[in-house]
């Protein structure tokens, strides 16, 4: 069935990404939302309530170094729980998450930085040479995607209290094109874009709350983050994340 403009408005009005996560925190607080399954070592799991707590801690940590509504945060990480914590934390603060491709060359990374001018960069130690000359804060998380994200300095703050006003049309995410026809271009998505896409994908896949979505494609790519993770969140399911 084709959706008209009114249908779109019904889905996104007074709704944003923190609202969507909050719905399931209230409805299914003890249900697993995220399972981190590294190639080696023990799996780690977060319920909806525990995931929200981690997001609020990261949001408080980002706020303590000056991140606020409208600021851009460059997230340059391999698949790991910390990437999702940082992404959702940006959404909670009203900041814009800039998703960096970890396969990019140093020159490409510098191109990204020039395009979006982020306030801070969240990355792993192995990628720090790519950000030589960056004059903002460089926040480091685990050296490898398989190590425990609980060791990240992003999680040392007390959880951020309260909720900001919902803003469906607020900018949420920047992702870059592949660069097959020219230099990669920055593509901007709002909270409304993300929720509408999540709802439509969940409908197309007929997702249910008892479904588990295995995600092994990179989260910096639209398919991993927007298509798979967001549709699973819309349906109240569980994300099984792998390197």
C-alpha atoms as a PDB file:
ATOM      1  CA  UNK A   1       0.000   0.000   0.000  1.00  0.00           C
ATOM      2  CA  UNK A   2       1.378   3.376  -0.996  1.00  0.00           C
ATOM      3  CA  UNK A   3       1.914   5.850   1.835  1.00  0.00           C
ATOM      4  CA  UNK A   4       0.886   9.473   1.457  1.00  0.00           C
ATOM      5  CA  UNK A   5       2.331  12.487   3.236  1.00  0.00           C
ATOM      6  CA  UNK A   6      -0.237  12.174   6.007  1.00  0.00           C
ATOM      7  CA  UNK A   7       0.902   8.604   6.735  1.00  0.00           C
ATOM      8  CA  UNK A   8       4.483   9.844   7.050  1.00  0.00           C
ATOM      9  CA  UNK A   9       3.371  12.559   9.455  1.00  0.00           C
ATOM     10  CA  UNK A  10       1.517  10.053  11.636  1.00  0.00           C
ATOM     11  CA  UNK A  11       4.656   7.951  11.995  1.00  0.00           C
ATOM     12  CA  UNK A  12       7.092  10.739  12.845  1.00  0.00           C
ATOM     13  CA  UNK A  13       5.053  13.454  14.595  1.00  0.00           C
ATOM     14  CA  UNK A  14       6.461  14.151  18.065  1.00  0.00           C
ATOM     15  CA  UNK A  15       8.817  11.200  17.693  1.00  0.00           C
ATOM     16  CA  UNK A  16      12.590  10.922  17.484  1.00  0.00           C
ATOM     17  CA  UNK A  17      15.220   8.268  18.170  1.00  0.00           C
ATOM     18  CA  UNK A  18      15.341   8.724  21.987  1.00  0.00           C
ATOM     19  CA  UNK A  19      11.551   8.393  21.978  1.00  0.00           C
ATOM     20  CA  UNK A  20      11.777   5.086  20.103  1.00  0.00           C
ATOM     21  CA  UNK A  21      14.374   3.627  22.459  1.00  0.00           C
ATOM     22  CA  UNK A  22      12.411   4.928  25.444  1.00  0.00           C
ATOM     23  CA  UNK A  23       9.272   3.118  24.281  1.00  0.00           C
ATOM     24  CA  UNK A  24      10.983  -0.249  24.595  1.00  0.00           C
ATOM     25  CA  UNK A  25      12.813   0.667  27.808  1.00  0.00           C
ATOM     26  CA  UNK A  26       9.376   1.199  29.357  1.00  0.00           C
ATOM     27  CA  UNK A  27       7.660  -1.764  27.707  1.00  0.00           C
ATOM     28  CA  UNK A  28      10.434  -4.403  27.802  1.00  0.00           C
ATOM     29  CA  UNK A  29      13.145  -3.144  30.185  1.00  0.00           C
ATOM     30  CA  UNK A  30      14.636  -6.579  30.907  1.00  0.00           C
ATOM     31  CA  UNK A  31      14.581  -7.934  27.375  1.00  0.00           C
ATOM     32  CA  UNK A  32      17.973  -8.181  25.608  1.00  0.00           C
ATOM     33  CA  UNK A  33      18.394  -5.470  23.005  1.00  0.00           C
ATOM     34  CA  UNK A  34      22.089  -5.836  22.150  1.00  0.00           C
ATOM     35  CA  UNK A  35      24.314  -8.916  22.207  1.00  0.00           C
ATOM     36  CA  UNK A  36      27.971  -8.344  21.345  1.00  0.00           C
ATOM     37  CA  UNK A  37      29.452 -11.560  19.920  1.00  0.00           C
ATOM     38  CA  UNK A  38      33.207 -11.220  19.231  1.00  0.00           C
ATOM     39  CA  UNK A  39      35.086 -13.883  17.310  1.00  0.00           C
ATOM     40  CA  UNK A  40      36.960 -14.761  20.499  1.00  0.00           C
ATOM     41  CA  UNK A  41      36.022 -14.315  24.132  1.00  0.00           C
ATOM     42  CA  UNK A  42      32.738 -14.154  25.983  1.00  0.00           C
ATOM     43  CA  UNK A  43      29.604 -12.568  24.610  1.00  0.00           C
ATOM     44  CA  UNK A  44      28.241  -9.503  26.369  1.00  0.00           C
ATOM     45  CA  UNK A  45      24.586  -8.529  26.524  1.00  0.00           C
ATOM     46  CA  UNK A  46      22.570  -5.403  27.349  1.00  0.00           C
ATOM     47  CA  UNK A  47      18.880  -5.324  28.093  1.00  0.00           C
ATOM     48  CA  UNK A  48      16.897  -2.350  26.850  1.00  0.00           C
ATOM     49  CA  UNK A  49      17.233  -0.763  30.284  1.00  0.00           C
ATOM     50  CA  UNK A  50      20.981  -1.466  30.519  1.00  0.00           C
ATOM     51  CA  UNK A  51      21.552  -0.186  26.990  1.00  0.00           C
ATOM     52  CA  UNK A  52      19.689   3.035  27.801  1.00  0.00           C
ATOM     53  CA  UNK A  53      21.805   3.446  30.939  1.00  0.00           C
ATOM     54  CA  UNK A  54      25.014   3.062  28.908  1.00  0.00           C
ATOM     55  CA  UNK A  55      23.740   5.568  26.329  1.00  0.00           C
ATOM     56  CA  UNK A  56      22.935   8.081  29.049  1.00  0.00           C
ATOM     57  CA  UNK A  57      26.421   7.650  30.541  1.00  0.00           C
ATOM     58  CA  UNK A  58      28.057   8.243  27.179  1.00  0.00           C
ATOM     59  CA  UNK A  59      25.799  11.246  26.597  1.00  0.00           C
ATOM     60  CA  UNK A  60      26.873  12.692  29.932  1.00  0.00           C
ATOM     61  CA  UNK A  61      30.515  12.073  29.057  1.00  0.00           C
ATOM     62  CA  UNK A  62      30.157  13.786  25.686  1.00  0.00           C
ATOM     63  CA  UNK A  63      28.308  16.698  27.289  1.00  0.00           C
ATOM     64  CA  UNK A  64      31.117  17.095  29.832  1.00  0.00           C
ATOM     65  CA  UNK A  65      33.569  17.847  27.000  1.00  0.00           C
ATOM     66  CA  UNK A  66      31.243  20.344  25.383  1.00  0.00           C
ATOM     67  CA  UNK A  67      29.028  18.393  22.988  1.00  0.00           C
ATOM     68  CA  UNK A  68      25.551  19.886  22.698  1.00  0.00           C
ATOM     69  CA  UNK A  69      22.604  20.203  20.323  1.00  0.00           C
ATOM     70  CA  UNK A  70      23.693  20.614  16.714  1.00  0.00           C
ATOM     71  CA  UNK A  71      27.363  19.718  17.261  1.00  0.00           C
ATOM     72  CA  UNK A  72      28.902  17.070  15.020  1.00  0.00           C
ATOM     73  CA  UNK A  73      30.622  14.019  16.511  1.00  0.00           C
ATOM     74  CA  UNK A  74      32.745  11.947  14.120  1.00  0.00           C
ATOM     75  CA  UNK A  75      32.390   8.261  15.096  1.00  0.00           C
ATOM     76  CA  UNK A  76      35.201   6.298  13.472  1.00  0.00           C
ATOM     77  CA  UNK A  77      34.930   2.774  14.913  1.00  0.00           C
ATOM     78  CA  UNK A  78      34.843  -0.839  13.874  1.00  0.00           C
ATOM     79  CA  UNK A  79      31.698  -2.725  14.858  1.00  0.00           C
ATOM     80  CA  UNK A  80      31.423  -2.664  18.634  1.00  0.00           C
ATOM     81  CA  UNK A  81      28.889  -1.842  21.313  1.00  0.00           C
ATOM     82  CA  UNK A  82      30.606   1.497  21.952  1.00  0.00           C
ATOM     83  CA  UNK A  83      29.697   2.632  18.442  1.00  0.00           C
ATOM     84  CA  UNK A  84      25.996   2.202  19.180  1.00  0.00           C
ATOM     85  CA  UNK A  85      26.365   3.827  22.605  1.00  0.00           C
ATOM     86  CA  UNK A  86      27.971   6.868  20.984  1.00  0.00           C
ATOM     87  CA  UNK A  87      25.421   7.021  18.163  1.00  0.00           C
ATOM     88  CA  UNK A  88      22.424   6.925  20.482  1.00  0.00           C
ATOM     89  CA  UNK A  89      24.153   9.338  22.875  1.00  0.00           C
ATOM     90  CA  UNK A  90      24.448  11.881  20.071  1.00  0.00           C
ATOM     91  CA  UNK A  91      20.742  11.441  19.390  1.00  0.00           C
ATOM     92  CA  UNK A  92      19.929  12.032  23.049  1.00  0.00           C
ATOM     93  CA  UNK A  93      21.975  15.243  23.121  1.00  0.00           C
ATOM     94  CA  UNK A  94      20.612  16.451  19.788  1.00  0.00           C
ATOM     95  CA  UNK A  95      24.088  16.226  18.288  1.00  0.00           C
ATOM     96  CA  UNK A  96      24.815  14.886  14.793  1.00  0.00           C
ATOM     97  CA  UNK A  97      26.634  11.552  14.518  1.00  0.00           C
ATOM     98  CA  UNK A  98      29.068  11.521  11.582  1.00  0.00           C
ATOM     99  CA  UNK A  99      29.698   7.887  10.651  1.00  0.00           C
ATOM    100  CA  UNK A 100      33.267   7.386   9.488  1.00  0.00           C
ATOM    101  CA  UNK A 101      34.255   4.536   7.170  1.00  0.00           C
ATOM    102  CA  UNK A 102      37.146   2.695   8.856  1.00  0.00           C
ATOM    103  CA  UNK A 103      38.375   1.481   5.458  1.00  0.00           C
ATOM    104  CA  UNK A 104      39.020   5.061   4.376  1.00  0.00           C
ATOM    105  CA  UNK A 105      42.527   6.317   3.666  1.00  0.00           C
ATOM    106  CA  UNK A 106      44.020   9.150   5.675  1.00  0.00           C
ATOM    107  CA  UNK A 107      43.384  11.533   2.773  1.00  0.00           C
ATOM    108  CA  UNK A 108      39.720  10.489   2.647  1.00  0.00           C
ATOM    109  CA  UNK A 109      39.356  10.991   6.406  1.00  0.00           C
ATOM    110  CA  UNK A 110      40.817  14.472   6.083  1.00  0.00           C
ATOM    111  CA  UNK A 111      38.263  15.136   3.332  1.00  0.00           C
ATOM    112  CA  UNK A 112      35.457  14.068   5.695  1.00  0.00           C
ATOM    113  CA  UNK A 113      36.755  16.355   8.441  1.00  0.00           C
ATOM    114  CA  UNK A 114      36.912  19.308   6.062  1.00  0.00           C
ATOM    115  CA  UNK A 115      33.362  18.632   4.876  1.00  0.00           C
ATOM    116  CA  UNK A 116      31.644  18.414   8.254  1.00  0.00           C
ATOM    117  CA  UNK A 117      33.981  20.113  10.788  1.00  0.00           C
ATOM    118  CA  UNK A 118      33.221  17.858  13.780  1.00  0.00           C
ATOM    119  CA  UNK A 119      33.685  19.082  17.323  1.00  0.00           C
ATOM    120  CA  UNK A 120      35.198  15.790  18.520  1.00  0.00           C
ATOM    121  CA  UNK A 121      36.246  12.412  17.133  1.00  0.00           C
ATOM    122  CA  UNK A 122      35.471   9.072  18.788  1.00  0.00           C
ATOM    123  CA  UNK A 123      37.811   6.388  17.497  1.00  0.00           C
ATOM    124  CA  UNK A 124      40.101   3.464  18.266  1.00  0.00           C
ATOM    125  CA  UNK A 125      43.815   3.881  18.854  1.00  0.00           C
ATOM    126  CA  UNK A 126      44.793   2.217  15.592  1.00  0.00           C
ATOM    127  CA  UNK A 127      43.078   4.992  13.629  1.00  0.00           C
ATOM    128  CA  UNK A 128      44.611   7.960  15.445  1.00  0.00           C
ATOM    129  CA  UNK A 129      47.211   8.585  12.664  1.00  0.00           C
ATOM    130  CA  UNK A 130      44.274   9.365  10.347  1.00  0.00           C
ATOM    131  CA  UNK A 131      43.370  12.311  12.565  1.00  0.00           C
ATOM    132  CA  UNK A 132      46.799  13.923  12.794  1.00  0.00           C
ATOM    133  CA  UNK A 133      46.342  17.673  12.904  1.00  0.00           C
ATOM    134  CA  UNK A 134      42.742  17.527  14.148  1.00  0.00           C
ATOM    135  CA  UNK A 135      42.425  20.332  16.683  1.00  0.00           C
ATOM    136  CA  UNK A 136      39.359  19.016  18.548  1.00  0.00           C
ATOM    137  CA  UNK A 137      39.075  16.383  21.272  1.00  0.00           C
ATOM    138  CA  UNK A 138      40.022  12.815  20.326  1.00  0.00           C
ATOM    139  CA  UNK A 139      38.098  10.304  22.484  1.00  0.00           C
ATOM    140  CA  UNK A 140      39.559   6.796  22.396  1.00  0.00           C
ATOM    141  CA  UNK A 141      37.641   3.607  23.058  1.00  0.00           C
ATOM    142  CA  UNK A 142      38.875   0.029  22.895  1.00  0.00           C
ATOM    143  CA  UNK A 143      41.884  -0.735  20.729  1.00  0.00           C
ATOM    144  CA  UNK A 144      40.075  -3.681  19.160  1.00  0.00           C
ATOM    145  CA  UNK A 145      36.405  -4.230  18.441  1.00  0.00           C
ATOM    146  CA  UNK A 146      36.468  -7.496  20.371  1.00  0.00           C
ATOM    147  CA  UNK A 147      37.467  -6.054  23.733  1.00  0.00           C
ATOM    148  CA  UNK A 148      34.953  -5.139  26.398  1.00  0.00           C
ATOM    149  CA  UNK A 149      33.366  -1.751  25.676  1.00  0.00           C
ATOM    150  CA  UNK A 150      32.774  -1.284  29.404  1.00  0.00           C
ATOM    151  CA  UNK A 151      36.450  -0.277  29.616  1.00  0.00           C
ATOM    152  CA  UNK A 152      35.770   2.783  27.485  1.00  0.00           C
ATOM    153  CA  UNK A 153      36.237   6.179  29.080  1.00  0.00           C
ATOM    154  CA  UNK A 154      32.901   7.081  27.531  1.00  0.00           C
ATOM    155  CA  UNK A 155      31.155   5.026  30.215  1.00  0.00           C
ATOM    156  CA  UNK A 156      32.686   6.602  33.324  1.00  0.00           C
ATOM    157  CA  UNK A 157      30.121   9.394  33.793  1.00  0.00           C
ATOM    158  CA  UNK A 158      26.914   9.242  35.800  1.00  0.00           C
ATOM    159  CA  UNK A 159      23.852   8.718  33.554  1.00  0.00           C
ATOM    160  CA  UNK A 160      22.362  11.822  31.979  1.00  0.00           C
ATOM    161  CA  UNK A 161      19.016  12.567  33.604  1.00  0.00           C
ATOM    162  CA  UNK A 162      15.847  13.667  31.871  1.00  0.00           C
ATOM    163  CA  UNK A 163      14.902  13.958  28.215  1.00  0.00           C
ATOM    164  CA  UNK A 164      15.254  16.835  25.789  1.00  0.00           C
ATOM    165  CA  UNK A 165      12.158  18.002  23.845  1.00  0.00           C
ATOM    166  CA  UNK A 166      11.380  15.754  20.885  1.00  0.00           C
ATOM    167  CA  UNK A 167      12.452  17.166  17.522  1.00  0.00           C
ATOM    168  CA  UNK A 168      11.615  14.855  14.614  1.00  0.00           C
ATOM    169  CA  UNK A 169      13.144  17.174  12.013  1.00  0.00           C
ATOM    170  CA  UNK A 170      16.420  17.579  13.903  1.00  0.00           C
ATOM    171  CA  UNK A 171      19.543  16.391  12.065  1.00  0.00           C
ATOM    172  CA  UNK A 172      20.635  12.982  13.356  1.00  0.00           C
ATOM    173  CA  UNK A 173      23.297  11.393  11.166  1.00  0.00           C
ATOM    174  CA  UNK A 174      25.775  12.019   8.377  1.00  0.00           C
ATOM    175  CA  UNK A 175      26.954   9.100   6.258  1.00  0.00           C
ATOM    176  CA  UNK A 176      29.236   9.245   3.263  1.00  0.00           C
ATOM    177  CA  UNK A 177      28.682   7.899  -0.219  1.00  0.00           C
ATOM    178  CA  UNK A 178      31.103   5.297  -1.566  1.00  0.00           C
ATOM    179  CA  UNK A 179      32.915   7.680  -3.894  1.00  0.00           C
ATOM    180  CA  UNK A 180      32.457   5.555  -7.022  1.00  0.00           C
ATOM    181  CA  UNK A 181      31.597   8.562  -9.214  1.00  0.00           C
ATOM    182  CA  UNK A 182      33.459  11.333  -7.383  1.00  0.00           C
ATOM    183  CA  UNK A 183      34.812  12.138  -3.926  1.00  0.00           C
ATOM    184  CA  UNK A 184      32.481  10.821  -1.187  1.00  0.00           C
ATOM    185  CA  UNK A 185      29.590  13.147  -0.422  1.00  0.00           C
ATOM    186  CA  UNK A 186      28.050  13.718   3.005  1.00  0.00           C
ATOM    187  CA  UNK A 187      24.408  12.569   3.188  1.00  0.00           C
ATOM    188  CA  UNK A 188      22.313  13.987   6.021  1.00  0.00           C
ATOM    189  CA  UNK A 189      19.399  12.172   7.722  1.00  0.00           C
ATOM    190  CA  UNK A 190      16.968  13.536  10.301  1.00  0.00           C
ATOM    191  CA  UNK A 191      15.336  11.677  13.174  1.00  0.00           C
ATOM    192  CA  UNK A 192      12.144  11.589  11.093  1.00  0.00           C
ATOM    193  CA  UNK A 193      13.981  10.028   8.127  1.00  0.00           C
ATOM    194  CA  UNK A 194      15.382   7.349  10.402  1.00  0.00           C
ATOM    195  CA  UNK A 195      12.121   6.440  12.135  1.00  0.00           C
ATOM    196  CA  UNK A 196      10.151   6.304   8.886  1.00  0.00           C
ATOM    197  CA  UNK A 197      12.792   4.071   7.305  1.00  0.00           C
ATOM    198  CA  UNK A 198      12.866   1.844  10.398  1.00  0.00           C
ATOM    199  CA  UNK A 199       9.103   1.429  10.390  1.00  0.00           C
ATOM    200  CA  UNK A 200       8.900   0.669   6.676  1.00  0.00           C
ATOM    201  CA  UNK A 201      11.771  -1.846   6.829  1.00  0.00           C
ATOM    202  CA  UNK A 202      10.225  -3.592   9.826  1.00  0.00           C
ATOM    203  CA  UNK A 203       6.952  -3.874   7.897  1.00  0.00           C
ATOM    204  CA  UNK A 204       8.686  -5.164   4.757  1.00  0.00           C
ATOM    205  CA  UNK A 205      10.614  -7.807   6.734  1.00  0.00           C
ATOM    206  CA  UNK A 206       7.557  -8.604   8.913  1.00  0.00           C
ATOM    207  CA  UNK A 207       9.726  -8.234  12.007  1.00  0.00           C
ATOM    208  CA  UNK A 208       8.354  -9.194  15.418  1.00  0.00           C
ATOM    209  CA  UNK A 209       9.474  -8.510  18.976  1.00  0.00           C
ATOM    210  CA  UNK A 210      10.836 -12.041  19.369  1.00  0.00           C
ATOM    211  CA  UNK A 211      13.105 -11.760  16.305  1.00  0.00           C
ATOM    212  CA  UNK A 212      16.909 -11.626  16.556  1.00  0.00           C
ATOM    213  CA  UNK A 213      18.797  -9.747  13.840  1.00  0.00           C
ATOM    214  CA  UNK A 214      22.375 -10.861  13.161  1.00  0.00           C
ATOM    215  CA  UNK A 215      24.461  -7.843  12.124  1.00  0.00           C
ATOM    216  CA  UNK A 216      27.946  -8.494  10.751  1.00  0.00           C
ATOM    217  CA  UNK A 217      28.048  -5.825   8.046  1.00  0.00           C
ATOM    218  CA  UNK A 218      29.748  -2.560   9.095  1.00  0.00           C
ATOM    219  CA  UNK A 219      27.640  -0.200  11.192  1.00  0.00           C
ATOM    220  CA  UNK A 220      29.174   2.813   9.456  1.00  0.00           C
ATOM    221  CA  UNK A 221      27.229   1.691   6.369  1.00  0.00           C
ATOM    222  CA  UNK A 222      23.541   2.519   5.952  1.00  0.00           C
ATOM    223  CA  UNK A 223      22.581  -1.143   5.600  1.00  0.00           C
ATOM    224  CA  UNK A 224      24.047  -2.092   8.968  1.00  0.00           C
ATOM    225  CA  UNK A 225      22.922   0.862  11.044  1.00  0.00           C
ATOM    226  CA  UNK A 226      19.769   2.233   9.445  1.00  0.00           C
ATOM    227  CA  UNK A 227      18.302  -0.862   7.787  1.00  0.00           C
ATOM    228  CA  UNK A 228      19.146  -3.622  10.253  1.00  0.00           C
ATOM    229  CA  UNK A 229      19.612  -2.061  13.689  1.00  0.00           C
ATOM    230  CA  UNK A 230      16.888   0.573  13.410  1.00  0.00           C
ATOM    231  CA  UNK A 231      14.225  -1.794  12.035  1.00  0.00           C
ATOM    232  CA  UNK A 232      14.999  -4.251  14.825  1.00  0.00           C
ATOM    233  CA  UNK A 233      14.654  -1.464  17.380  1.00  0.00           C
ATOM    234  CA  UNK A 234      11.347  -0.384  15.834  1.00  0.00           C
ATOM    235  CA  UNK A 235       9.980  -3.918  16.313  1.00  0.00           C
ATOM    236  CA  UNK A 236      11.409  -4.297  19.832  1.00  0.00           C
ATOM    237  CA  UNK A 237      13.690  -7.160  18.830  1.00  0.00           C
ATOM    238  CA  UNK A 238      17.269  -8.102  19.633  1.00  0.00           C
ATOM    239  CA  UNK A 239      20.450  -7.154  17.739  1.00  0.00           C
ATOM    240  CA  UNK A 240      23.229  -9.749  17.614  1.00  0.00           C
ATOM    241  CA  UNK A 241      26.284  -7.687  16.681  1.00  0.00           C
ATOM    242  CA  UNK A 242      29.529  -9.195  15.381  1.00  0.00           C
ATOM    243  CA  UNK A 243      32.884  -7.726  14.277  1.00  0.00           C
END
